[in-house]
Amino acid sequence: MAEDRLSTIFAALADPTRRAILTRLAEGEATVSELAEPFSISLPAISRHLKVLEQAGLISRSRSAQWRSSRLEAAPLREATEWMDRYRQFWDVNFTRLDAHLKRVQEGPMS
């Protein structure tokens, strides 16, 4: 059974190294070597992370001469955010209700 797109996106985002790579790419394009700088892992390991991000559609990669750079693709992040937003709205409504209830409890019974 093939995974759905949202599951692939969230699986890619589940790893802190991949999230850090996306944070760096939000600043602009970068090569594998530039992306690897802050990590104490090998270039092949960074390349594997990039492959996961690329398969999820979160980055795109291009080649110019001997350099291969990566750049952030924001559309899948928007897709994940829109899915999560429905639940944020649910919690906002429930927190508003809880806040109103706590105010009533603090005011005490009416005299």
PDB file of N, CA and C in Angstrom:
ATOM      1  N   MET A   1       0.843  -1.186   0.000  1.00  0.00           N
ATOM      2  CA  MET A   1       0.000   0.000   0.000  1.00  0.00           C
ATOM      3  C   MET A   1       0.886   1.246   0.000  1.00  0.00           C
ATOM      4  N   ALA A   2       0.702   2.123  -0.938  1.00  0.00           N
ATOM      5  CA  ALA A   2       1.503   3.337  -1.041  1.00  0.00           C
ATOM      6  C   ALA A   2       1.100   4.330   0.045  1.00  0.00           C
ATOM      7  N   GLU A   3       2.099   5.011   0.593  1.00  0.00           N
ATOM      8  CA  GLU A   3       1.824   6.012   1.611  1.00  0.00           C
ATOM      9  C   GLU A   3       1.166   7.228   0.964  1.00  0.00           C
ATOM     10  N   ASP A   4       0.307   7.882   1.722  1.00  0.00           N
ATOM     11  CA  ASP A   4      -0.268   9.111   1.199  1.00  0.00           C
ATOM     12  C   ASP A   4       0.750  10.246   1.362  1.00  0.00           C
ATOM     13  N   ARG A   5       0.552  11.308   0.617  1.00  0.00           N
ATOM     14  CA  ARG A   5       1.498  12.417   0.572  1.00  0.00           C
ATOM     15  C   ARG A   5       1.720  13.049   1.945  1.00  0.00           C
ATOM     16  N   LEU A   6       0.646  13.243   2.704  1.00  0.00           N
ATOM     17  CA  LEU A   6       0.763  13.865   4.020  1.00  0.00           C
ATOM     18  C   LEU A   6       1.599  13.016   4.973  1.00  0.00           C
ATOM     19  N   SER A   7       1.444  11.711   4.905  1.00  0.00           N
ATOM     20  CA  SER A   7       2.255  10.818   5.741  1.00  0.00           C
ATOM     21  C   SER A   7       3.727  10.924   5.375  1.00  0.00           C
ATOM     22  N   THR A   8       4.012  11.030   4.095  1.00  0.00           N
ATOM     23  CA  THR A   8       5.396  11.171   3.639  1.00  0.00           C
ATOM     24  C   THR A   8       5.994  12.488   4.133  1.00  0.00           C
ATOM     25  N   ILE A   9       5.206  13.552   4.082  1.00  0.00           N
ATOM     26  CA  ILE A   9       5.676  14.858   4.560  1.00  0.00           C
ATOM     27  C   ILE A   9       5.962  14.801   6.048  1.00  0.00           C
ATOM     28  N   PHE A  10       5.016  14.284   6.837  1.00  0.00           N
ATOM     29  CA  PHE A  10       5.217  14.229   8.286  1.00  0.00           C
ATOM     30  C   PHE A  10       6.362  13.292   8.668  1.00  0.00           C
ATOM     31  N   ALA A  11       6.536  12.207   7.936  1.00  0.00           N
ATOM     32  CA  ALA A  11       7.664  11.302   8.212  1.00  0.00           C
ATOM     33  C   ALA A  11       8.988  12.020   7.975  1.00  0.00           C
ATOM     34  N   ALA A  12       9.056  12.814   6.919  1.00  0.00           N
ATOM     35  CA  ALA A  12      10.279  13.572   6.648  1.00  0.00           C
ATOM     36  C   ALA A  12      10.522  14.614   7.725  1.00  0.00           C
ATOM     37  N   LEU A  13       9.469  15.240   8.211  1.00  0.00           N
ATOM     38  CA  LEU A  13       9.594  16.269   9.242  1.00  0.00           C
ATOM     39  C   LEU A  13       9.857  15.700  10.634  1.00  0.00           C
ATOM     40  N   ALA A  14       9.689  14.400  10.797  1.00  0.00           N
ATOM     41  CA  ALA A  14       9.851  13.786  12.113  1.00  0.00           C
ATOM     42  C   ALA A  14      11.286  13.798  12.607  1.00  0.00           C
ATOM     43  N   ASP A  15      12.234  13.919  11.710  1.00  0.00           N
ATOM     44  CA  ASP A  15      13.647  13.862  12.089  1.00  0.00           C
ATOM     45  C   ASP A  15      14.203  15.263  12.359  1.00  0.00           C
ATOM     46  N   PRO A  16      14.850  15.480  13.518  1.00  0.00           N
ATOM     47  CA  PRO A  16      15.370  16.817  13.839  1.00  0.00           C
ATOM     48  C   PRO A  16      16.462  17.305  12.878  1.00  0.00           C
ATOM     49  N   THR A  17      17.251  16.403  12.334  1.00  0.00           N
ATOM     50  CA  THR A  17      18.279  16.813  11.372  1.00  0.00           C
ATOM     51  C   THR A  17      17.625  17.357  10.112  1.00  0.00           C
ATOM     52  N   ARG A  18      16.584  16.694   9.653  1.00  0.00           N
ATOM     53  CA  ARG A  18      15.896  17.162   8.453  1.00  0.00           C
ATOM     54  C   ARG A  18      15.197  18.493   8.705  1.00  0.00           C
ATOM     55  N   ARG A  19      14.632  18.667   9.904  1.00  0.00           N
ATOM     56  CA  ARG A  19      14.015  19.962  10.221  1.00  0.00           C
ATOM     57  C   ARG A  19      15.071  21.056  10.249  1.00  0.00           C
ATOM     58  N   ALA A  20      16.245  20.764  10.779  1.00  0.00           N
ATOM     59  CA  ALA A  20      17.335  21.751  10.804  1.00  0.00           C
ATOM     60  C   ALA A  20      17.782  22.088   9.382  1.00  0.00           C
ATOM     61  N   ILE A  21      17.821  21.105   8.515  1.00  0.00           N
ATOM     62  CA  ILE A  21      18.181  21.345   7.112  1.00  0.00           C
ATOM     63  C   ILE A  21      17.156  22.275   6.469  1.00  0.00           C
ATOM     64  N   LEU A  22      15.875  22.035   6.721  1.00  0.00           N
ATOM     65  CA  LEU A  22      14.836  22.902   6.159  1.00  0.00           C
ATOM     66  C   LEU A  22      14.955  24.323   6.690  1.00  0.00           C
ATOM     67  N   THR A  23      15.287  24.450   7.971  1.00  0.00           N
ATOM     68  CA  THR A  23      15.483  25.777   8.561  1.00  0.00           C
ATOM     69  C   THR A  23      16.605  26.504   7.846  1.00  0.00           C
ATOM     70  N   ARG A  24      17.696  25.800   7.579  1.00  0.00           N
ATOM     71  CA  ARG A  24      18.824  26.403   6.864  1.00  0.00           C
ATOM     72  C   ARG A  24      18.421  26.774   5.443  1.00  0.00           C
ATOM     73  N   LEU A  25      17.670  25.910   4.770  1.00  0.00           N
ATOM     74  CA  LEU A  25      17.276  26.179   3.393  1.00  0.00           C
ATOM     75  C   LEU A  25      16.261  27.324   3.296  1.00  0.00           C
ATOM     76  N   ALA A  26      15.584  27.640   4.386  1.00  0.00           N
ATOM     77  CA  ALA A  26      14.681  28.791   4.386  1.00  0.00           C
ATOM     78  C   ALA A  26      15.463  30.087   4.187  1.00  0.00           C
ATOM     79  N   GLU A  27      16.768  30.058   4.473  1.00  0.00           N
ATOM     80  CA  GLU A  27      17.639  31.222   4.274  1.00  0.00           C
ATOM     81  C   GLU A  27      18.123  31.325   2.829  1.00  0.00           C
ATOM     82  N   GLY A  28      18.052  30.243   2.080  1.00  0.00           N
ATOM     83  CA  GLY A  28      18.486  30.235   0.687  1.00  0.00           C
ATOM     84  C   GLY A  28      19.091  28.907   0.302  1.00  0.00           C
ATOM     85  N   GLU A  29      19.377  28.763  -0.977  1.00  0.00           N
ATOM     86  CA  GLU A  29      19.958  27.518  -1.502  1.00  0.00           C
ATOM     87  C   GLU A  29      21.276  27.207  -0.820  1.00  0.00           C
ATOM     88  N   ALA A  30      21.607  25.904  -0.779  1.00  0.00           N
ATOM     89  CA  ALA A  30      22.865  25.475  -0.169  1.00  0.00           C
ATOM     90  C   ALA A  30      23.309  24.164  -0.799  1.00  0.00           C
ATOM     91  N   THR A  31      24.613  23.944  -0.779  1.00  0.00           N
ATOM     92  CA  THR A  31      25.179  22.683  -1.260  1.00  0.00           C
ATOM     93  C   THR A  31      25.147  21.663  -0.130  1.00  0.00           C
ATOM     94  N   VAL A  32      25.418  20.417  -0.454  1.00  0.00           N
ATOM     95  CA  VAL A  32      25.470  19.359   0.552  1.00  0.00           C
ATOM     96  C   VAL A  32      26.523  19.696   1.602  1.00  0.00           C
ATOM     97  N   SER A  33      27.677  20.159   1.171  1.00  0.00           N
ATOM     98  CA  SER A  33      28.752  20.513   2.116  1.00  0.00           C
ATOM     99  C   SER A  33      28.318  21.627   3.055  1.00  0.00           C
ATOM    100  N   GLU A  34      27.644  22.628   2.524  1.00  0.00           N
ATOM    101  CA  GLU A  34      27.171  23.734   3.372  1.00  0.00           C
ATOM    102  C   GLU A  34      26.123  23.241   4.363  1.00  0.00           C
ATOM    103  N   LEU A  35      25.266  22.360   3.909  1.00  0.00           N
ATOM    104  CA  LEU A  35      24.229  21.824   4.801  1.00  0.00           C
ATOM    105  C   LEU A  35      24.816  20.921   5.882  1.00  0.00           C
ATOM    106  N   ALA A  36      25.926  20.264   5.565  1.00  0.00           N
ATOM    107  CA  ALA A  36      26.544  19.324   6.503  1.00  0.00           C
ATOM    108  C   ALA A  36      27.344  20.023   7.604  1.00  0.00           C
ATOM    109  N   GLU A  37      27.758  21.274   7.369  1.00  0.00           N
ATOM    110  CA  GLU A  37      28.647  21.975   8.305  1.00  0.00           C
ATOM    111  C   GLU A  37      28.262  21.879   9.777  1.00  0.00           C
ATOM    112  N   PRO A  38      27.018  22.167  10.158  1.00  0.00           N
ATOM    113  CA  PRO A  38      26.714  22.167  11.596  1.00  0.00           C
ATOM    114  C   PRO A  38      26.538  20.779  12.228  1.00  0.00           C
ATOM    115  N   PHE A  39      26.590  19.740  11.421  1.00  0.00           N
ATOM    116  CA  PHE A  39      26.313  18.393  11.924  1.00  0.00           C
ATOM    117  C   PHE A  39      27.595  17.573  12.036  1.00  0.00           C
ATOM    118  N   SER A  40      27.594  16.662  12.968  1.00  0.00           N
ATOM    119  CA  SER A  40      28.739  15.757  13.110  1.00  0.00           C
ATOM    120  C   SER A  40      28.402  14.405  12.487  1.00  0.00           C
ATOM    121  N   ILE A  41      27.840  14.459  11.275  1.00  0.00           N
ATOM    122  CA  ILE A  41      27.534  13.236  10.532  1.00  0.00           C
ATOM    123  C   ILE A  41      28.171  13.349   9.149  1.00  0.00           C
ATOM    124  N   SER A  42      28.284  12.242   8.474  1.00  0.00           N
ATOM    125  CA  SER A  42      28.990  12.189   7.189  1.00  0.00           C
ATOM    126  C   SER A  42      28.180  12.846   6.065  1.00  0.00           C
ATOM    127  N   LEU A  43      28.869  13.192   4.998  1.00  0.00           N
ATOM    128  CA  LEU A  43      28.197  13.721   3.810  1.00  0.00           C
ATOM    129  C   LEU A  43      27.194  12.727   3.232  1.00  0.00           C
ATOM    130  N   PRO A  44      27.534  11.415   3.181  1.00  0.00           N
ATOM    131  CA  PRO A  44      26.531  10.463   2.698  1.00  0.00           C
ATOM    132  C   PRO A  44      25.265  10.446   3.574  1.00  0.00           C
ATOM    133  N   ALA A  45      25.426  10.640   4.880  1.00  0.00           N
ATOM    134  CA  ALA A  45      24.250  10.681   5.767  1.00  0.00           C
ATOM    135  C   ALA A  45      23.402  11.909   5.454  1.00  0.00           C
ATOM    136  N   ILE A  46      24.048  13.051   5.232  1.00  0.00           N
ATOM    137  CA  ILE A  46      23.313  14.263   4.855  1.00  0.00           C
ATOM    138  C   ILE A  46      22.599  14.031   3.521  1.00  0.00           C
ATOM    139  N   SER A  47      23.280  13.392   2.584  1.00  0.00           N
ATOM    140  CA  SER A  47      22.667  13.091   1.280  1.00  0.00           C
ATOM    141  C   SER A  47      21.435  12.213   1.437  1.00  0.00           C
ATOM    142  N   ARG A  48      21.476  11.261   2.360  1.00  0.00           N
ATOM    143  CA  ARG A  48      20.298  10.412   2.594  1.00  0.00           C
ATOM    144  C   ARG A  48      19.147  11.247   3.154  1.00  0.00           C
ATOM    145  N   HIS A  49      19.446  12.173   4.074  1.00  0.00           N
ATOM    146  CA  HIS A  49      18.405  13.065   4.596  1.00  0.00           C
ATOM    147  C   HIS A  49      17.817  13.910   3.471  1.00  0.00           C
ATOM    148  N   LEU A  50      18.674  14.410   2.596  1.00  0.00           N
ATOM    149  CA  LEU A  50      18.206  15.224   1.479  1.00  0.00           C
ATOM    150  C   LEU A  50      17.303  14.424   0.543  1.00  0.00           C
ATOM    151  N   LYS A  51      17.636  13.158   0.360  1.00  0.00           N
ATOM    152  CA  LYS A  51      16.822  12.301  -0.501  1.00  0.00           C
ATOM    153  C   LYS A  51      15.415  12.135   0.086  1.00  0.00           C
ATOM    154  N   VAL A  52      15.328  11.960   1.403  1.00  0.00           N
ATOM    155  CA  VAL A  52      14.022  11.835   2.065  1.00  0.00           C
ATOM    156  C   VAL A  52      13.222  13.130   1.891  1.00  0.00           C
ATOM    157  N   LEU A  53      13.891  14.270   2.097  1.00  0.00           N
ATOM    158  CA  LEU A  53      13.221  15.558   1.945  1.00  0.00           C
ATOM    159  C   LEU A  53      12.763  15.776   0.503  1.00  0.00           C
ATOM    160  N   GLU A  54      13.588  15.354  -0.439  1.00  0.00           N
ATOM    161  CA  GLU A  54      13.242  15.497  -1.855  1.00  0.00           C
ATOM    162  C   GLU A  54      12.053  14.606  -2.206  1.00  0.00           C
ATOM    163  N   GLN A  55      12.036  13.377  -1.717  1.00  0.00           N
ATOM    164  CA  GLN A  55      10.925  12.461  -1.998  1.00  0.00           C
ATOM    165  C   GLN A  55       9.611  12.977  -1.418  1.00  0.00           C
ATOM    166  N   ALA A  56       9.712  13.720  -0.307  1.00  0.00           N
ATOM    167  CA  ALA A  56       8.514  14.305   0.302  1.00  0.00           C
ATOM    168  C   ALA A  56       8.099  15.594  -0.397  1.00  0.00           C
ATOM    169  N   GLY A  57       8.927  16.065  -1.332  1.00  0.00           N
ATOM    170  CA  GLY A  57       8.628  17.293  -2.050  1.00  0.00           C
ATOM    171  C   GLY A  57       8.992  18.552  -1.286  1.00  0.00           C
ATOM    172  N   LEU A  58       9.687  18.397  -0.156  1.00  0.00           N
ATOM    173  CA  LEU A  58      10.035  19.539   0.689  1.00  0.00           C
ATOM    174  C   LEU A  58      11.229  20.327   0.171  1.00  0.00           C
ATOM    175  N   ILE A  59      12.042  19.689  -0.666  1.00  0.00           N
ATOM    176  CA  ILE A  59      13.164  20.391  -1.294  1.00  0.00           C
ATOM    177  C   ILE A  59      13.237  19.985  -2.753  1.00  0.00           C
ATOM    178  N   SER A  60      13.937  20.799  -3.516  1.00  0.00           N
ATOM    179  CA  SER A  60      14.286  20.413  -4.880  1.00  0.00           C
ATOM    180  C   SER A  60      15.793  20.551  -4.988  1.00  0.00           C
ATOM    181  N   ARG A  61      16.365  19.777  -5.884  1.00  0.00           N
ATOM    182  CA  ARG A  61      17.820  19.777  -6.038  1.00  0.00           C
ATOM    183  C   ARG A  61      18.158  20.065  -7.488  1.00  0.00           C
ATOM    184  N   SER A  62      19.222  20.832  -7.678  1.00  0.00           N
ATOM    185  CA  SER A  62      19.672  21.148  -9.029  1.00  0.00           C
ATOM    186  C   SER A  62      21.175  20.965  -9.104  1.00  0.00           C
ATOM    187  N   ARG A  63      21.647  20.805 -10.315  1.00  0.00           N
ATOM    188  CA  ARG A  63      23.081  20.597 -10.527  1.00  0.00           C
ATOM    189  C   ARG A  63      23.590  21.701 -11.449  1.00  0.00           C
ATOM    190  N   SER A  64      24.685  22.304 -11.029  1.00  0.00           N
ATOM    191  CA  SER A  64      25.355  23.313 -11.841  1.00  0.00           C
ATOM    192  C   SER A  64      26.830  22.965 -11.840  1.00  0.00           C
ATOM    193  N   ALA A  65      27.314  22.495 -12.952  1.00  0.00           N
ATOM    194  CA  ALA A  65      28.698  21.999 -13.069  1.00  0.00           C
ATOM    195  C   ALA A  65      28.891  20.889 -12.046  1.00  0.00           C
ATOM    196  N   GLN A  66      29.822  21.051 -11.132  1.00  0.00           N
ATOM    197  CA  GLN A  66      30.091  19.999 -10.150  1.00  0.00           C
ATOM    198  C   GLN A  66      29.309  20.202  -8.860  1.00  0.00           C
ATOM    199  N   TRP A  67      28.595  21.319  -8.735  1.00  0.00           N
ATOM    200  CA  TRP A  67      27.871  21.628  -7.510  1.00  0.00           C
ATOM    201  C   TRP A  67      26.427  21.176  -7.605  1.00  0.00           C
ATOM    202  N   ARG A  68      25.948  20.597  -6.549  1.00  0.00           N
ATOM    203  CA  ARG A  68      24.549  20.207  -6.472  1.00  0.00           C
ATOM    204  C   ARG A  68      23.942  20.963  -5.290  1.00  0.00           C
ATOM    205  N   SER A  69      23.020  21.846  -5.590  1.00  0.00           N
ATOM    206  CA  SER A  69      22.425  22.634  -4.517  1.00  0.00           C
ATOM    207  C   SER A  69      20.990  22.197  -4.269  1.00  0.00           C
ATOM    208  N   SER A  70      20.524  22.529  -3.076  1.00  0.00           N
ATOM    209  CA  SER A  70      19.158  22.209  -2.676  1.00  0.00           C
ATOM    210  C   SER A  70      18.452  23.497  -2.309  1.00  0.00           C
ATOM    211  N   ARG A  71      17.137  23.501  -2.522  1.00  0.00           N
ATOM    212  CA  ARG A  71      16.358  24.658  -2.095  1.00  0.00           C
ATOM    213  C   ARG A  71      15.025  24.190  -1.527  1.00  0.00           C
ATOM    214  N   LEU A  72      14.498  24.986  -0.636  1.00  0.00           N
ATOM    215  CA  LEU A  72      13.243  24.695   0.043  1.00  0.00           C
ATOM    216  C   LEU A  72      12.070  24.817  -0.924  1.00  0.00           C
ATOM    217  N   GLU A  73      11.143  23.884  -0.817  1.00  0.00           N
ATOM    218  CA  GLU A  73       9.877  23.940  -1.556  1.00  0.00           C
ATOM    219  C   GLU A  73       8.770  24.053  -0.503  1.00  0.00           C
ATOM    220  N   ALA A  74       8.105  25.181  -0.445  1.00  0.00           N
ATOM    221  CA  ALA A  74       7.186  25.477   0.651  1.00  0.00           C
ATOM    222  C   ALA A  74       5.799  24.847   0.517  1.00  0.00           C
ATOM    223  N   ALA A  75       5.386  24.470  -0.669  1.00  0.00           N
ATOM    224  CA  ALA A  75       4.016  23.969  -0.868  1.00  0.00           C
ATOM    225  C   ALA A  75       3.672  22.784   0.045  1.00  0.00           C
ATOM    226  N   PRO A  76       4.547  21.773   0.190  1.00  0.00           N
ATOM    227  CA  PRO A  76       4.192  20.668   1.090  1.00  0.00           C
ATOM    228  C   PRO A  76       4.060  21.104   2.553  1.00  0.00           C
ATOM    229  N   LEU A  77       4.844  22.105   2.957  1.00  0.00           N
ATOM    230  CA  LEU A  77       4.710  22.622   4.323  1.00  0.00           C
ATOM    231  C   LEU A  77       3.349  23.286   4.507  1.00  0.00           C
ATOM    232  N   ARG A  78       2.892  23.984   3.483  1.00  0.00           N
ATOM    233  CA  ARG A  78       1.569  24.608   3.538  1.00  0.00           C
ATOM    234  C   ARG A  78       0.495  23.524   3.649  1.00  0.00           C
ATOM    235  N   GLU A  79       0.662  22.454   2.901  1.00  0.00           N
ATOM    236  CA  GLU A  79      -0.292  21.340   2.939  1.00  0.00           C
ATOM    237  C   GLU A  79      -0.384  20.756   4.356  1.00  0.00           C
ATOM    238  N   ALA A  80       0.765  20.543   4.987  1.00  0.00           N
ATOM    239  CA  ALA A  80       0.784  20.013   6.357  1.00  0.00           C
ATOM    240  C   ALA A  80       0.182  21.019   7.339  1.00  0.00           C
ATOM    241  N   THR A  81       0.488  22.289   7.162  1.00  0.00           N
ATOM    242  CA  THR A  81      -0.036  23.332   8.043  1.00  0.00           C
ATOM    243  C   THR A  81      -1.550  23.427   7.924  1.00  0.00           C
ATOM    244  N   GLU A  82      -2.066  23.349   6.716  1.00  0.00           N
ATOM    245  CA  GLU A  82      -3.518  23.408   6.520  1.00  0.00           C
ATOM    246  C   GLU A  82      -4.206  22.228   7.205  1.00  0.00           C
ATOM    247  N   TRP A  83      -3.594  21.066   7.140  1.00  0.00           N
ATOM    248  CA  TRP A  83      -4.166  19.894   7.810  1.00  0.00           C
ATOM    249  C   TRP A  83      -4.176  20.106   9.323  1.00  0.00           C
ATOM    250  N   MET A  84      -3.064  20.618   9.863  1.00  0.00           N
ATOM    251  CA  MET A  84      -2.971  20.853  11.312  1.00  0.00           C
ATOM    252  C   MET A  84      -3.864  21.998  11.763  1.00  0.00           C
ATOM    253  N   ASP A  85      -4.123  22.949  10.886  1.00  0.00           N
ATOM    254  CA  ASP A  85      -4.916  24.119  11.240  1.00  0.00           C
ATOM    255  C   ASP A  85      -6.318  23.740  11.690  1.00  0.00           C
ATOM    256  N   ARG A  86      -6.883  22.701  11.100  1.00  0.00           N
ATOM    257  CA  ARG A  86      -8.216  22.250  11.532  1.00  0.00           C
ATOM    258  C   ARG A  86      -8.204  21.881  13.007  1.00  0.00           C
ATOM    259  N   TYR A  87      -7.134  21.270  13.463  1.00  0.00           N
ATOM    260  CA  TYR A  87      -7.032  20.862  14.859  1.00  0.00           C
ATOM    261  C   TYR A  87      -6.702  22.042  15.758  1.00  0.00           C
ATOM    262  N   ARG A  88      -5.972  23.020  15.235  1.00  0.00           N
ATOM    263  CA  ARG A  88      -5.714  24.235  16.003  1.00  0.00           C
ATOM    264  C   ARG A  88      -7.039  24.938  16.279  1.00  0.00           C
ATOM    265  N   GLN A  89      -7.909  25.008  15.278  1.00  0.00           N
ATOM    266  CA  GLN A  89      -9.216  25.633  15.466  1.00  0.00           C
ATOM    267  C   GLN A  89     -10.025  24.883  16.519  1.00  0.00           C
ATOM    268  N   PHE A  90      -9.961  23.559  16.500  1.00  0.00           N
ATOM    269  CA  PHE A  90     -10.647  22.740  17.507  1.00  0.00           C
ATOM    270  C   PHE A  90     -10.157  23.096  18.908  1.00  0.00           C
ATOM    271  N   TRP A  91      -8.841  23.165  19.074  1.00  0.00           N
ATOM    272  CA  TRP A  91      -8.283  23.470  20.389  1.00  0.00           C
ATOM    273  C   TRP A  91      -8.555  24.908  20.802  1.00  0.00           C
ATOM    274  N   ASP A  92      -8.536  25.830  19.861  1.00  0.00           N
ATOM    275  CA  ASP A  92      -8.855  27.222  20.192  1.00  0.00           C
ATOM    276  C   ASP A  92     -10.255  27.335  20.771  1.00  0.00           C
ATOM    277  N   VAL A  93     -11.222  26.680  20.151  1.00  0.00           N
ATOM    278  CA  VAL A  93     -12.600  26.700  20.639  1.00  0.00           C
ATOM    279  C   VAL A  93     -12.664  26.086  22.036  1.00  0.00           C
ATOM    280  N   ASN A  94     -12.004  24.955  22.230  1.00  0.00           N
ATOM    281  CA  ASN A  94     -12.048  24.299  23.529  1.00  0.00           C
ATOM    282  C   ASN A  94     -11.335  25.099  24.615  1.00  0.00           C
ATOM    283  N   PHE A  95     -10.230  25.753  24.278  1.00  0.00           N
ATOM    284  CA  PHE A  95      -9.540  26.591  25.260  1.00  0.00           C
ATOM    285  C   PHE A  95     -10.381  27.814  25.607  1.00  0.00           C
ATOM    286  N   THR A  96     -11.117  28.344  24.643  1.00  0.00           N
ATOM    287  CA  THR A  96     -12.011  29.471  24.912  1.00  0.00           C
ATOM    288  C   THR A  96     -13.099  29.039  25.886  1.00  0.00           C
ATOM    289  N   ARG A  97     -13.654  27.866  25.663  1.00  0.00           N
ATOM    290  CA  ARG A  97     -14.675  27.330  26.586  1.00  0.00           C
ATOM    291  C   ARG A  97     -14.095  27.104  27.972  1.00  0.00           C
ATOM    292  N   LEU A  98     -12.900  26.537  28.034  1.00  0.00           N
ATOM    293  CA  LEU A  98     -12.257  26.293  29.319  1.00  0.00           C
ATOM    294  C   LEU A  98     -11.994  27.607  30.044  1.00  0.00           C
ATOM    295  N   ASP A  99     -11.528  28.608  29.327  1.00  0.00           N
ATOM    296  CA  ASP A  99     -11.266  29.914  29.916  1.00  0.00           C
ATOM    297  C   ASP A  99     -12.545  30.505  30.503  1.00  0.00           C
ATOM    298  N   ALA A 100     -13.644  30.423  29.756  1.00  0.00           N
ATOM    299  CA  ALA A 100     -14.928  30.938  30.244  1.00  0.00           C
ATOM    300  C   ALA A 100     -15.371  30.184  31.494  1.00  0.00           C
ATOM    301  N   HIS A 101     -15.196  28.875  31.493  1.00  0.00           N
ATOM    302  CA  HIS A 101     -15.572  28.060  32.652  1.00  0.00           C
ATOM    303  C   HIS A 101     -14.737  28.443  33.879  1.00  0.00           C
ATOM    304  N   LEU A 102     -13.428  28.609  33.700  1.00  0.00           N
ATOM    305  CA  LEU A 102     -12.566  28.969  34.821  1.00  0.00           C
ATOM    306  C   LEU A 102     -12.927  30.348  35.385  1.00  0.00           C
ATOM    307  N   LYS A 103     -13.296  31.269  34.533  1.00  0.00           N
ATOM    308  CA  LYS A 103     -13.719  32.596  35.003  1.00  0.00           C
ATOM    309  C   LYS A 103     -14.981  32.480  35.849  1.00  0.00           C
ATOM    310  N   ARG A 104     -15.934  31.634  35.402  1.00  0.00           N
ATOM    311  CA  ARG A 104     -17.166  31.440  36.176  1.00  0.00           C
ATOM    312  C   ARG A 104     -16.850  30.817  37.525  1.00  0.00           C
ATOM    313  N   VAL A 105     -15.948  29.835  37.549  1.00  0.00           N
ATOM    314  CA  VAL A 105     -15.580  29.172  38.806  1.00  0.00           C
ATOM    315  C   VAL A 105     -14.900  30.155  39.755  1.00  0.00           C
ATOM    316  N   GLN A 106     -14.036  30.999  39.232  1.00  0.00           N
ATOM    317  CA  GLN A 106     -13.318  31.983  40.066  1.00  0.00           C
ATOM    318  C   GLN A 106     -14.249  33.034  40.631  1.00  0.00           C
ATOM    319  N   GLU A 107     -15.283  33.390  39.893  1.00  0.00           N
ATOM    320  CA  GLU A 107     -16.233  34.381  40.368  1.00  0.00           C
ATOM    321  C   GLU A 107     -17.083  33.815  41.500  1.00  0.00           C
ATOM    322  N   GLY A 108     -17.195  32.508  41.556  1.00  0.00           N
ATOM    323  CA  GLY A 108     -17.962  31.856  42.595  1.00  0.00           C
ATOM    324  C   GLY A 108     -19.458  31.903  42.319  1.00  0.00           C
ATOM    325  N   PRO A 109     -20.230  31.269  43.217  1.00  0.00           N
ATOM    326  CA  PRO A 109     -21.689  31.257  43.020  1.00  0.00           C
ATOM    327  C   PRO A 109     -22.261  32.663  43.206  1.00  0.00           C
ATOM    328  N   MET A 110     -23.288  32.915  42.431  1.00  0.00           N
ATOM    329  CA  MET A 110     -23.925  34.224  42.535  1.00  0.00           C
ATOM    330  C   MET A 110     -24.678  34.315  43.850  1.00  0.00           C
ATOM    331  N   SER A 111     -24.594  35.455  44.468  1.00  0.00           N
ATOM    332  CA  SER A 111     -25.256  35.659  45.767  1.00  0.00           C
ATOM    333  C   SER A 111     -26.655  36.153  45.591  1.00  0.00           C
TER     334      SER A 111
END
